[in-house]
Amino acid sequence: MKTKARLTLWLGLVTLLVAVLGAIALGTIWNLRVGTRDVLKANYNSINYVQRMLQTLEGGLNCQRWEVLQEQLALQNANVTEPGEAELSKDLEQGMHRLMAEPADTAALGRVRSDLYSIIELNRGAIEHKANSMEDRAEKAFTWISIAGALCFLIAFTLFLGLPEQLSEPIRKLTEGIDSIAKGNYRGRVIVRDGSEFSHMADRFNAMAEELERWQNSSLARIMQEKARAEAVINSLRDPS
């Protein structure tokens, strides 16, 4: 693999890991935000509607208070979100109609109050259950984010340790081979088998070293050496000193 492609692959892998980790974190935060918002919106609204109805019942019933009760009951019926809440809202509506027909019926008033408190407790229990569920989800999300973060760190740290070595090792071998050739040692060879440009350079370098070694061992090289020796002898004879 070419060096450029290798760098692109490694850097792309690190970028992908960072993107995945960021997506997991953002997705978890968004889910927790939406879940918390739903808890505060639906259940809190139901409790608010019921509390207004309880306050309205405190001062006795008249046409104006009955309109307030009907308005809050309509809002509650449109905000049913929990199992069993629809049945309680229906019983509440029937009880209010009986109470409107007979405002002095204390039994009907008691049933209406009981239904209202039941709806409050139902929604309070739902809030507590959802809060515990959100806490569990937050703990699980923290665990998964920690695992993903540790994995990203290990991979990035491995690349941090291995990438410089993989790039510098072929260069070091080629440099040592060139120094060896410069000193007249033509028998040295450079071994690089990573499939990159350095591998091709090592093959060309070894071919050059092989040719130099062959020339050094050839007859021509020996003749040149003898010639140099003869010239040295002649020059020494010409020098009377």
C-alpha atoms as a PDB file:
ATOM      1  CA  MET A   1       0.000   0.000   0.000  1.00  0.00           C
ATOM      2  CA  LYS A   2       1.310   3.443  -0.895  1.00  0.00           C
ATOM      3  CA  THR A   3       2.348   5.750   1.908  1.00  0.00           C
ATOM      4  CA  LYS A   4      -0.254   8.356   0.987  1.00  0.00           C
ATOM      5  CA  ALA A   5      -3.024   5.763   0.954  1.00  0.00           C
ATOM      6  CA  ARG A   6      -1.827   4.372   4.283  1.00  0.00           C
ATOM      7  CA  LEU A   7      -1.830   7.808   5.905  1.00  0.00           C
ATOM      8  CA  THR A   8      -5.267   8.526   4.471  1.00  0.00           C
ATOM      9  CA  LEU A   9      -6.571   5.226   5.837  1.00  0.00           C
ATOM     10  CA  TRP A  10      -5.167   5.744   9.308  1.00  0.00           C
ATOM     11  CA  LEU A  11      -6.243   9.356   9.624  1.00  0.00           C
ATOM     12  CA  GLY A  12      -9.631   8.460   8.188  1.00  0.00           C
ATOM     13  CA  LEU A  13      -9.994   5.720  10.796  1.00  0.00           C
ATOM     14  CA  VAL A  14      -9.215   8.123  13.612  1.00  0.00           C
ATOM     15  CA  THR A  15     -11.660  10.665  12.184  1.00  0.00           C
ATOM     16  CA  LEU A  16     -14.343   7.980  11.904  1.00  0.00           C
ATOM     17  CA  LEU A  17     -13.827   6.904  15.503  1.00  0.00           C
ATOM     18  CA  VAL A  18     -14.113  10.484  16.715  1.00  0.00           C
ATOM     19  CA  ALA A  19     -17.268  10.957  14.627  1.00  0.00           C
ATOM     20  CA  VAL A  20     -18.821   7.736  15.983  1.00  0.00           C
ATOM     21  CA  LEU A  21     -18.008   8.697  19.558  1.00  0.00           C
ATOM     22  CA  GLY A  22     -19.459  12.173  19.010  1.00  0.00           C
ATOM     23  CA  ALA A  23     -22.609  10.711  17.434  1.00  0.00           C
ATOM     24  CA  ILE A  24     -23.116   8.335  20.374  1.00  0.00           C
ATOM     25  CA  ALA A  25     -22.669  11.151  22.881  1.00  0.00           C
ATOM     26  CA  LEU A  26     -24.955  13.567  21.030  1.00  0.00           C
ATOM     27  CA  GLY A  27     -27.599  10.879  20.457  1.00  0.00           C
ATOM     28  CA  THR A  28     -27.591   9.958  24.138  1.00  0.00           C
ATOM     29  CA  ILE A  29     -27.857  13.563  25.256  1.00  0.00           C
ATOM     30  CA  TRP A  30     -30.705  14.168  22.804  1.00  0.00           C
ATOM     31  CA  ASN A  31     -32.625  11.081  23.968  1.00  0.00           C
ATOM     32  CA  LEU A  32     -32.222  12.074  27.598  1.00  0.00           C
ATOM     33  CA  ARG A  33     -33.336  15.613  26.785  1.00  0.00           C
ATOM     34  CA  VAL A  34     -36.419  14.454  24.897  1.00  0.00           C
ATOM     35  CA  GLY A  35     -37.323  11.939  27.595  1.00  0.00           C
ATOM     36  CA  THR A  36     -36.988  14.494  30.369  1.00  0.00           C
ATOM     37  CA  ARG A  37     -39.024  17.014  28.409  1.00  0.00           C
ATOM     38  CA  ASP A  38     -41.828  14.485  27.876  1.00  0.00           C
ATOM     39  CA  VAL A  39     -41.926  13.668  31.580  1.00  0.00           C
ATOM     40  CA  LEU A  40     -42.183  17.338  32.528  1.00  0.00           C
ATOM     41  CA  LYS A  41     -44.726  18.104  29.834  1.00  0.00           C
ATOM     42  CA  ALA A  42     -47.346  15.326  29.864  1.00  0.00           C
ATOM     43  CA  ASN A  43     -47.465  14.199  33.487  1.00  0.00           C
ATOM     44  CA  TYR A  44     -46.955  17.653  34.970  1.00  0.00           C
ATOM     45  CA  ASN A  45     -49.801  19.015  32.833  1.00  0.00           C
ATOM     46  CA  SER A  46     -52.159  16.269  34.038  1.00  0.00           C
ATOM     47  CA  ILE A  47     -51.315  17.019  37.669  1.00  0.00           C
ATOM     48  CA  ASN A  48     -51.819  20.730  37.017  1.00  0.00           C
ATOM     49  CA  TYR A  49     -55.252  20.174  35.426  1.00  0.00           C
ATOM     50  CA  VAL A  50     -56.400  17.988  38.309  1.00  0.00           C
ATOM     51  CA  GLN A  51     -55.149  20.399  40.962  1.00  0.00           C
ATOM     52  CA  ARG A  52     -57.091  23.217  39.319  1.00  0.00           C
ATOM     53  CA  MET A  53     -60.209  21.050  39.397  1.00  0.00           C
ATOM     54  CA  LEU A  54     -59.664  20.339  43.101  1.00  0.00           C
ATOM     55  CA  GLN A  55     -59.287  24.044  43.814  1.00  0.00           C
ATOM     56  CA  THR A  56     -62.457  24.785  41.837  1.00  0.00           C
ATOM     57  CA  LEU A  57     -64.439  22.226  43.864  1.00  0.00           C
ATOM     58  CA  GLU A  58     -63.421  23.870  47.151  1.00  0.00           C
ATOM     59  CA  GLY A  59     -65.780  26.827  46.786  1.00  0.00           C
ATOM     60  CA  GLY A  60     -68.906  24.946  45.714  1.00  0.00           C
ATOM     61  CA  LEU A  61     -70.386  24.568  42.265  1.00  0.00           C
ATOM     62  CA  ASN A  62     -71.974  27.228  40.083  1.00  0.00           C
ATOM     63  CA  CYS A  63     -72.168  27.875  36.349  1.00  0.00           C
ATOM     64  CA  GLN A  64     -68.812  29.655  36.217  1.00  0.00           C
ATOM     65  CA  ARG A  65     -67.037  26.959  38.227  1.00  0.00           C
ATOM     66  CA  TRP A  66     -68.693  24.253  36.175  1.00  0.00           C
ATOM     67  CA  GLU A  67     -67.276  25.837  33.014  1.00  0.00           C
ATOM     68  CA  VAL A  68     -63.804  25.792  34.586  1.00  0.00           C
ATOM     69  CA  LEU A  69     -64.214  22.129  35.519  1.00  0.00           C
ATOM     70  CA  GLN A  70     -65.346  21.241  32.004  1.00  0.00           C
ATOM     71  CA  GLU A  71     -62.426  23.144  30.497  1.00  0.00           C
ATOM     72  CA  GLN A  72     -59.851  21.427  32.717  1.00  0.00           C
ATOM     73  CA  LEU A  73     -61.488  18.024  32.180  1.00  0.00           C
ATOM     74  CA  ALA A  74     -61.311  18.473  28.398  1.00  0.00           C
ATOM     75  CA  LEU A  75     -57.624  19.313  28.686  1.00  0.00           C
ATOM     76  CA  GLN A  76     -57.072  16.258  30.861  1.00  0.00           C
ATOM     77  CA  ASN A  77     -58.893  13.961  28.432  1.00  0.00           C
ATOM     78  CA  ALA A  78     -56.675  15.237  25.618  1.00  0.00           C
ATOM     79  CA  ASN A  79     -53.547  14.645  27.707  1.00  0.00           C
ATOM     80  CA  VAL A  80     -54.042  10.973  28.644  1.00  0.00           C
ATOM     81  CA  THR A  81     -50.653   9.259  28.424  1.00  0.00           C
ATOM     82  CA  GLU A  82     -50.524   6.581  31.134  1.00  0.00           C
ATOM     83  CA  PRO A  83     -52.179   3.122  31.315  1.00  0.00           C
ATOM     84  CA  GLY A  84     -55.402   3.345  33.303  1.00  0.00           C
ATOM     85  CA  GLU A  85     -55.589   7.127  33.052  1.00  0.00           C
ATOM     86  CA  ALA A  86     -58.276   7.036  30.370  1.00  0.00           C
ATOM     87  CA  GLU A  87     -60.570   4.945  32.606  1.00  0.00           C
ATOM     88  CA  LEU A  88     -60.032   7.288  35.536  1.00  0.00           C
ATOM     89  CA  SER A  89     -60.755  10.321  33.329  1.00  0.00           C
ATOM     90  CA  LYS A  90     -63.962   8.682  32.101  1.00  0.00           C
ATOM     91  CA  ASP A  91     -65.096   7.900  35.646  1.00  0.00           C
ATOM     92  CA  LEU A  92     -64.228  11.452  36.619  1.00  0.00           C
ATOM     93  CA  GLU A  93     -66.359  12.854  33.813  1.00  0.00           C
ATOM     94  CA  GLN A  94     -69.335  10.689  34.788  1.00  0.00           C
ATOM     95  CA  GLY A  95     -68.954  11.686  38.426  1.00  0.00           C
ATOM     96  CA  MET A  96     -68.883  15.363  37.516  1.00  0.00           C
ATOM     97  CA  HIS A  97     -72.100  15.003  35.549  1.00  0.00           C
ATOM     98  CA  ARG A  98     -73.782  13.358  38.565  1.00  0.00           C
ATOM     99  CA  LEU A  99     -72.412  16.080  40.820  1.00  0.00           C
ATOM    100  CA  MET A 100     -73.682  18.797  38.471  1.00  0.00           C
ATOM    101  CA  ALA A 101     -77.139  17.219  38.503  1.00  0.00           C
ATOM    102  CA  GLU A 102     -77.090  16.997  42.327  1.00  0.00           C
ATOM    103  CA  PRO A 103     -74.576  19.525  43.754  1.00  0.00           C
ATOM    104  CA  ALA A 104     -75.479  18.502  47.298  1.00  0.00           C
ATOM    105  CA  ASP A 105     -74.609  14.834  46.728  1.00  0.00           C
ATOM    106  CA  THR A 106     -71.622  14.394  49.049  1.00  0.00           C
ATOM    107  CA  ALA A 107     -71.069  10.813  47.860  1.00  0.00           C
ATOM    108  CA  ALA A 108     -70.699  11.974  44.254  1.00  0.00           C
ATOM    109  CA  LEU A 109     -68.346  14.742  45.412  1.00  0.00           C
ATOM    110  CA  GLY A 110     -66.276  12.200  47.316  1.00  0.00           C
ATOM    111  CA  ARG A 111     -66.026   9.945  44.251  1.00  0.00           C
ATOM    112  CA  VAL A 112     -64.957  12.914  42.111  1.00  0.00           C
ATOM    113  CA  ARG A 113     -62.276  13.858  44.627  1.00  0.00           C
ATOM    114  CA  SER A 114     -61.130  10.249  44.811  1.00  0.00           C
ATOM    115  CA  ASP A 115     -60.800  10.064  41.018  1.00  0.00           C
ATOM    116  CA  LEU A 116     -58.874  13.338  40.980  1.00  0.00           C
ATOM    117  CA  TYR A 117     -56.423  12.130  43.629  1.00  0.00           C
ATOM    118  CA  SER A 118     -56.067   8.824  41.788  1.00  0.00           C
ATOM    119  CA  ILE A 119     -55.078  10.664  38.600  1.00  0.00           C
ATOM    120  CA  ILE A 120     -52.533  12.716  40.569  1.00  0.00           C
ATOM    121  CA  GLU A 121     -51.000   9.613  42.141  1.00  0.00           C
ATOM    122  CA  LEU A 122     -50.962   7.850  38.784  1.00  0.00           C
ATOM    123  CA  ASN A 123     -49.030  10.669  37.161  1.00  0.00           C
ATOM    124  CA  ARG A 124     -46.720  11.103  40.141  1.00  0.00           C
ATOM    125  CA  GLY A 125     -45.904   7.408  39.974  1.00  0.00           C
ATOM    126  CA  ALA A 126     -45.305   7.727  36.246  1.00  0.00           C
ATOM    127  CA  ILE A 127     -42.938  10.651  36.836  1.00  0.00           C
ATOM    128  CA  GLU A 128     -40.999   8.643  39.401  1.00  0.00           C
ATOM    129  CA  HIS A 129     -40.885   5.589  37.144  1.00  0.00           C
ATOM    130  CA  LYS A 130     -39.719   7.615  34.154  1.00  0.00           C
ATOM    131  CA  ALA A 131     -37.149   9.422  36.267  1.00  0.00           C
ATOM    132  CA  ASN A 132     -35.710   6.066  37.380  1.00  0.00           C
ATOM    133  CA  SER A 133     -35.812   4.852  33.795  1.00  0.00           C
ATOM    134  CA  MET A 134     -33.986   7.949  32.610  1.00  0.00           C
ATOM    135  CA  GLU A 135     -31.391   7.448  35.334  1.00  0.00           C
ATOM    136  CA  ASP A 136     -30.856   3.858  34.197  1.00  0.00           C
ATOM    137  CA  ARG A 137     -30.552   5.011  30.599  1.00  0.00           C
ATOM    138  CA  ALA A 138     -28.059   7.669  31.642  1.00  0.00           C
ATOM    139  CA  GLU A 139     -25.951   5.081  33.467  1.00  0.00           C
ATOM    140  CA  LYS A 140     -26.030   2.728  30.480  1.00  0.00           C
ATOM    141  CA  ALA A 141     -25.203   5.589  28.137  1.00  0.00           C
ATOM    142  CA  PHE A 142     -22.281   6.555  30.361  1.00  0.00           C
ATOM    143  CA  THR A 143     -21.043   2.955  30.261  1.00  0.00           C
ATOM    144  CA  TRP A 144     -21.298   2.710  26.472  1.00  0.00           C
ATOM    145  CA  ILE A 145     -19.702   6.115  25.942  1.00  0.00           C
ATOM    146  CA  SER A 146     -16.878   5.115  28.289  1.00  0.00           C
ATOM    147  CA  ILE A 147     -16.338   1.875  26.390  1.00  0.00           C
ATOM    148  CA  ALA A 148     -16.426   3.644  23.029  1.00  0.00           C
ATOM    149  CA  GLY A 149     -14.098   6.359  24.316  1.00  0.00           C
ATOM    150  CA  ALA A 150     -11.637   3.796  25.679  1.00  0.00           C
ATOM    151  CA  LEU A 151     -11.712   1.896  22.377  1.00  0.00           C
ATOM    152  CA  CYS A 152     -11.099   5.082  20.402  1.00  0.00           C
ATOM    153  CA  PHE A 153      -8.247   5.991  22.723  1.00  0.00           C
ATOM    154  CA  LEU A 154      -6.614   2.564  22.387  1.00  0.00           C
ATOM    155  CA  ILE A 155      -6.816   2.613  18.606  1.00  0.00           C
ATOM    156  CA  ALA A 156      -5.586   6.205  18.383  1.00  0.00           C
ATOM    157  CA  PHE A 157      -2.776   5.478  20.857  1.00  0.00           C
ATOM    158  CA  THR A 158      -1.774   2.372  18.889  1.00  0.00           C
ATOM    159  CA  LEU A 159      -1.609   4.436  15.714  1.00  0.00           C
ATOM    160  CA  PHE A 160       0.328   7.116  17.578  1.00  0.00           C
ATOM    161  CA  LEU A 161       2.957   4.571  18.607  1.00  0.00           C
ATOM    162  CA  GLY A 162       3.059   2.545  15.392  1.00  0.00           C
ATOM    163  CA  LEU A 163       2.679   5.137  12.651  1.00  0.00           C
ATOM    164  CA  PRO A 164       5.975   7.011  13.192  1.00  0.00           C
ATOM    165  CA  GLU A 165       7.881   3.728  13.467  1.00  0.00           C
ATOM    166  CA  GLN A 166       6.381   2.328  10.277  1.00  0.00           C
ATOM    167  CA  LEU A 167       7.268   5.508   8.390  1.00  0.00           C
ATOM    168  CA  SER A 168      10.751   6.002   9.846  1.00  0.00           C
ATOM    169  CA  GLU A 169      11.980   2.379   9.774  1.00  0.00           C
ATOM    170  CA  PRO A 170      12.254   2.099   5.935  1.00  0.00           C
ATOM    171  CA  ILE A 171      13.961   5.499   5.799  1.00  0.00           C
ATOM    172  CA  ARG A 172      16.446   4.396   8.459  1.00  0.00           C
ATOM    173  CA  LYS A 173      17.260   1.196   6.546  1.00  0.00           C
ATOM    174  CA  LEU A 174      17.771   3.079   3.299  1.00  0.00           C
ATOM    175  CA  THR A 175      19.995   5.636   5.031  1.00  0.00           C
ATOM    176  CA  GLU A 176      22.161   2.911   6.553  1.00  0.00           C
ATOM    177  CA  GLY A 177      22.435   1.205   3.164  1.00  0.00           C
ATOM    178  CA  ILE A 178      23.553   4.427   1.470  1.00  0.00           C
ATOM    179  CA  ASP A 179      26.149   5.016   4.194  1.00  0.00           C
ATOM    180  CA  SER A 180      27.414   1.471   3.720  1.00  0.00           C
ATOM    181  CA  ILE A 181      27.785   1.980  -0.039  1.00  0.00           C
ATOM    182  CA  ALA A 182      29.616   5.252   0.569  1.00  0.00           C
ATOM    183  CA  LYS A 183      32.143   3.332   2.691  1.00  0.00           C
ATOM    184  CA  GLY A 184      32.760   0.834  -0.113  1.00  0.00           C
ATOM    185  CA  ASN A 185      30.723  -2.034   1.298  1.00  0.00           C
ATOM    186  CA  TYR A 186      28.746  -3.244  -1.692  1.00  0.00           C
ATOM    187  CA  ARG A 187      27.533  -6.456  -0.082  1.00  0.00           C
ATOM    188  CA  GLY A 188      24.918  -4.839   2.145  1.00  0.00           C
ATOM    189  CA  ARG A 189      21.256  -5.112   1.194  1.00  0.00           C
ATOM    190  CA  VAL A 190      18.169  -3.234   2.329  1.00  0.00           C
ATOM    191  CA  ILE A 191      15.081  -5.349   3.076  1.00  0.00           C
ATOM    192  CA  VAL A 192      11.735  -3.521   3.005  1.00  0.00           C
ATOM    193  CA  ARG A 193       8.604  -5.578   2.343  1.00  0.00           C
ATOM    194  CA  ASP A 194       5.707  -3.247   3.149  1.00  0.00           C
ATOM    195  CA  GLY A 195       4.484  -2.762  -0.420  1.00  0.00           C
ATOM    196  CA  SER A 196       5.036   1.005  -0.308  1.00  0.00           C
ATOM    197  CA  GLU A 197       7.292   3.292  -2.301  1.00  0.00           C
ATOM    198  CA  PHE A 198      10.060   2.430   0.151  1.00  0.00           C
ATOM    199  CA  SER A 199       9.873  -1.211  -0.915  1.00  0.00           C
ATOM    200  CA  HIS A 200      10.390  -0.208  -4.538  1.00  0.00           C
ATOM    201  CA  MET A 201      13.270   2.086  -3.560  1.00  0.00           C
ATOM    202  CA  ALA A 202      14.883  -0.750  -1.583  1.00  0.00           C
ATOM    203  CA  ASP A 203      14.633  -3.082  -4.590  1.00  0.00           C
ATOM    204  CA  ARG A 204      16.292  -0.473  -6.845  1.00  0.00           C
ATOM    205  CA  PHE A 205      18.941   0.166  -4.210  1.00  0.00           C
ATOM    206  CA  ASN A 206      19.717  -3.541  -3.894  1.00  0.00           C
ATOM    207  CA  ALA A 207      19.992  -3.846  -7.678  1.00  0.00           C
ATOM    208  CA  MET A 208      22.482  -0.976  -7.726  1.00  0.00           C
ATOM    209  CA  ALA A 209      24.478  -2.494  -4.878  1.00  0.00           C
ATOM    210  CA  GLU A 210      24.549  -5.843  -6.682  1.00  0.00           C
ATOM    211  CA  GLU A 211      25.910  -4.204  -9.833  1.00  0.00           C
ATOM    212  CA  LEU A 212      28.578  -2.384  -7.826  1.00  0.00           C
ATOM    213  CA  GLU A 213      29.576  -5.596  -6.100  1.00  0.00           C
ATOM    214  CA  ARG A 214      29.761  -7.399  -9.406  1.00  0.00           C
ATOM    215  CA  TRP A 215      31.941  -4.640 -10.860  1.00  0.00           C
ATOM    216  CA  GLN A 216      34.170  -4.719  -7.782  1.00  0.00           C
ATOM    217  CA  ASN A 217      34.744  -8.434  -8.235  1.00  0.00           C
ATOM    218  CA  SER A 218      35.204  -8.281 -12.002  1.00  0.00           C
ATOM    219  CA  SER A 219      38.473  -8.447 -13.950  1.00  0.00           C
ATOM    220  CA  LEU A 220      38.124  -4.811 -14.883  1.00  0.00           C
ATOM    221  CA  ALA A 221      38.171  -3.862 -11.254  1.00  0.00           C
ATOM    222  CA  ARG A 222      41.304  -5.945 -10.667  1.00  0.00           C
ATOM    223  CA  ILE A 223      42.980  -4.386 -13.739  1.00  0.00           C
ATOM    224  CA  MET A 224      42.168  -0.927 -12.464  1.00  0.00           C
ATOM    225  CA  GLN A 225      43.639  -1.850  -9.114  1.00  0.00           C
ATOM    226  CA  GLU A 226      46.841  -3.164 -10.736  1.00  0.00           C
ATOM    227  CA  LYS A 227      47.077  -0.060 -12.861  1.00  0.00           C
ATOM    228  CA  ALA A 228      46.731   2.127  -9.828  1.00  0.00           C
ATOM    229  CA  ARG A 229      49.430   0.091  -8.061  1.00  0.00           C
ATOM    230  CA  ALA A 230      51.800   0.348 -11.069  1.00  0.00           C
ATOM    231  CA  GLU A 231      51.242   4.073 -11.295  1.00  0.00           C
ATOM    232  CA  ALA A 232      52.058   4.376  -7.638  1.00  0.00           C
ATOM    233  CA  VAL A 233      55.341   2.437  -8.150  1.00  0.00           C
ATOM    234  CA  ILE A 234      56.316   4.554 -11.172  1.00  0.00           C
ATOM    235  CA  ASN A 235      55.592   7.722  -9.290  1.00  0.00           C
ATOM    236  CA  SER A 236      57.732   6.538  -6.405  1.00  0.00           C
ATOM    237  CA  LEU A 237      60.642   5.766  -8.787  1.00  0.00           C
ATOM    238  CA  ARG A 238      60.408   9.252 -10.312  1.00  0.00           C
ATOM    239  CA  ASP A 239      60.729  10.815  -6.878  1.00  0.00           C
ATOM    240  CA  PRO A 240      64.484  10.682  -5.976  1.00  0.00           C
ATOM    241  CA  SER A 241      63.696  11.341  -2.383  1.00  0.00           C
END
